[in-house]
Amino acid sequence: MSTVTIARIIELLDGDRELLQALAEHGIISESAHEFGPDEVETVLVSRTLVREMGINWEGVDVILRMRRQLLITRLRLAELSKK
């Protein structure tokens, strides 16, 4: 997947510009970003699910996203070690 424009992100959020603004205000995405890579798109979509469907507050979203990143890093390290 290549980069995605902010217009496409808004489409993925069902036109919810307020959610996009909140993501920027809470430091989850860059306020100045005009294009998003695969990792940022996934972060936006996961954040949307956490906020909309699960009712998690922004502090919780931040913690979950950090833990998720750590889990992914750990999985990559374990995969590298299992190849040796």
C-alpha atoms as a PDB file:
ATOM      1  CA  MET A   1       0.000   0.000   0.000  1.00  0.00           C
ATOM      2  CA  SER A   2       1.368   3.420  -0.900  1.00  0.00           C
ATOM      3  CA  THR A   3       0.517   6.697   0.759  1.00  0.00           C
ATOM      4  CA  VAL A   4      -3.080   7.782   1.251  1.00  0.00           C
ATOM      5  CA  THR A   5      -4.304  11.354   1.019  1.00  0.00           C
ATOM      6  CA  ILE A   6      -6.106  13.134   3.813  1.00  0.00           C
ATOM      7  CA  ALA A   7      -9.245  13.122   1.641  1.00  0.00           C
ATOM      8  CA  ARG A   8      -9.121   9.312   1.549  1.00  0.00           C
ATOM      9  CA  ILE A   9      -8.606   9.169   5.320  1.00  0.00           C
ATOM     10  CA  ILE A  10     -11.736  11.281   5.767  1.00  0.00           C
ATOM     11  CA  GLU A  11     -13.594   8.826   3.509  1.00  0.00           C
ATOM     12  CA  LEU A  12     -12.350   5.908   5.634  1.00  0.00           C
ATOM     13  CA  LEU A  13     -13.683   7.757   8.682  1.00  0.00           C
ATOM     14  CA  ASP A  14     -17.094   8.125   6.998  1.00  0.00           C
ATOM     15  CA  GLY A  15     -16.561  11.872   6.667  1.00  0.00           C
ATOM     16  CA  ASP A  16     -15.877  12.322  10.376  1.00  0.00           C
ATOM     17  CA  ARG A  17     -13.561  15.342  10.251  1.00  0.00           C
ATOM     18  CA  GLU A  18     -13.998  15.864  13.994  1.00  0.00           C
ATOM     19  CA  LEU A  19     -12.455  12.470  14.685  1.00  0.00           C
ATOM     20  CA  LEU A  20      -9.533  13.310  12.402  1.00  0.00           C
ATOM     21  CA  GLN A  21      -9.077  16.615  14.217  1.00  0.00           C
ATOM     22  CA  ALA A  22      -9.236  14.862  17.600  1.00  0.00           C
ATOM     23  CA  LEU A  23      -6.595  12.361  16.457  1.00  0.00           C
ATOM     24  CA  ALA A  24      -4.310  15.286  15.628  1.00  0.00           C
ATOM     25  CA  GLU A  25      -5.112  17.172  18.838  1.00  0.00           C
ATOM     26  CA  HIS A  26      -4.232  14.112  20.920  1.00  0.00           C
ATOM     27  CA  GLY A  27      -0.957  13.575  19.046  1.00  0.00           C
ATOM     28  CA  ILE A  28      -1.989  10.287  17.486  1.00  0.00           C
ATOM     29  CA  ILE A  29      -1.382  11.648  13.984  1.00  0.00           C
ATOM     30  CA  SER A  30       0.589  14.669  12.835  1.00  0.00           C
ATOM     31  CA  GLU A  31      -1.463  17.831  12.450  1.00  0.00           C
ATOM     32  CA  SER A  32       0.532  18.769   9.365  1.00  0.00           C
ATOM     33  CA  ALA A  33       0.242  15.408   7.603  1.00  0.00           C
ATOM     34  CA  HIS A  34      -1.238  15.538   4.119  1.00  0.00           C
ATOM     35  CA  GLU A  35      -0.429  11.955   3.210  1.00  0.00           C
ATOM     36  CA  PHE A  36      -0.442   8.842   5.353  1.00  0.00           C
ATOM     37  CA  GLY A  37       1.597   5.663   5.027  1.00  0.00           C
ATOM     38  CA  PRO A  38       0.253   2.187   5.787  1.00  0.00           C
ATOM     39  CA  ASP A  39       1.169   2.386   9.478  1.00  0.00           C
ATOM     40  CA  GLU A  40      -0.608   5.723   9.952  1.00  0.00           C
ATOM     41  CA  VAL A  41      -3.702   4.476   8.106  1.00  0.00           C
ATOM     42  CA  GLU A  42      -3.833   1.450  10.374  1.00  0.00           C
ATOM     43  CA  THR A  43      -3.393   3.673  13.437  1.00  0.00           C
ATOM     44  CA  VAL A  44      -6.287   5.891  12.320  1.00  0.00           C
ATOM     45  CA  LEU A  45      -8.553   2.894  11.728  1.00  0.00           C
ATOM     46  CA  VAL A  46      -7.662   1.212  15.018  1.00  0.00           C
ATOM     47  CA  SER A  47      -8.216   4.512  16.836  1.00  0.00           C
ATOM     48  CA  ARG A  48     -11.599   4.895  15.165  1.00  0.00           C
ATOM     49  CA  THR A  49     -12.631   1.453  16.373  1.00  0.00           C
ATOM     50  CA  LEU A  50     -11.402   2.096  19.902  1.00  0.00           C
ATOM     51  CA  VAL A  51     -13.208   5.430  20.197  1.00  0.00           C
ATOM     52  CA  ARG A  52     -16.418   4.803  18.270  1.00  0.00           C
ATOM     53  CA  GLU A  53     -17.174   1.164  18.899  1.00  0.00           C
ATOM     54  CA  MET A  54     -15.511   0.550  22.238  1.00  0.00           C
ATOM     55  CA  GLY A  55     -15.970   3.968  23.857  1.00  0.00           C
ATOM     56  CA  ILE A  56     -12.343   4.193  24.978  1.00  0.00           C
ATOM     57  CA  ASN A  57     -11.124   7.645  26.028  1.00  0.00           C
ATOM     58  CA  TRP A  58      -8.132   9.294  24.377  1.00  0.00           C
ATOM     59  CA  GLU A  59      -5.712   8.427  27.155  1.00  0.00           C
ATOM     60  CA  GLY A  60      -6.724   4.781  26.791  1.00  0.00           C
ATOM     61  CA  VAL A  61      -6.323   4.953  23.021  1.00  0.00           C
ATOM     62  CA  ASP A  62      -2.787   6.264  23.483  1.00  0.00           C
ATOM     63  CA  VAL A  63      -1.879   3.457  25.890  1.00  0.00           C
ATOM     64  CA  ILE A  64      -3.406   0.776  23.662  1.00  0.00           C
ATOM     65  CA  LEU A  65      -1.617   2.069  20.570  1.00  0.00           C
ATOM     66  CA  ARG A  66       1.738   2.141  22.382  1.00  0.00           C
ATOM     67  CA  MET A  67       1.220  -1.386  23.706  1.00  0.00           C
ATOM     68  CA  ARG A  68       0.185  -2.545  20.238  1.00  0.00           C
ATOM     69  CA  ARG A  69       3.367  -1.116  18.707  1.00  0.00           C
ATOM     70  CA  GLN A  70       5.468  -2.848  21.357  1.00  0.00           C
ATOM     71  CA  LEU A  71       3.699  -6.141  20.679  1.00  0.00           C
ATOM     72  CA  LEU A  72       4.376  -5.830  16.948  1.00  0.00           C
ATOM     73  CA  ILE A  73       8.055  -5.066  17.599  1.00  0.00           C
ATOM     74  CA  THR A  74       8.306  -8.050  19.933  1.00  0.00           C
ATOM     75  CA  ARG A  75       6.710 -10.326  17.340  1.00  0.00           C
ATOM     76  CA  LEU A  76       9.202  -9.166  14.709  1.00  0.00           C
ATOM     77  CA  ARG A  77      12.109  -9.807  17.057  1.00  0.00           C
ATOM     78  CA  LEU A  78      10.816 -13.275  17.906  1.00  0.00           C
ATOM     79  CA  ALA A  79      10.405 -14.063  14.201  1.00  0.00           C
ATOM     80  CA  GLU A  80      14.006 -12.985  13.583  1.00  0.00           C
ATOM     81  CA  LEU A  81      15.257 -15.124  16.450  1.00  0.00           C
ATOM     82  CA  SER A  82      13.337 -18.169  15.259  1.00  0.00           C
ATOM     83  CA  LYS A  83      15.100 -17.917  11.857  1.00  0.00           C
ATOM     84  CA  LYS A  84      18.529 -18.332  13.455  1.00  0.00           C
END
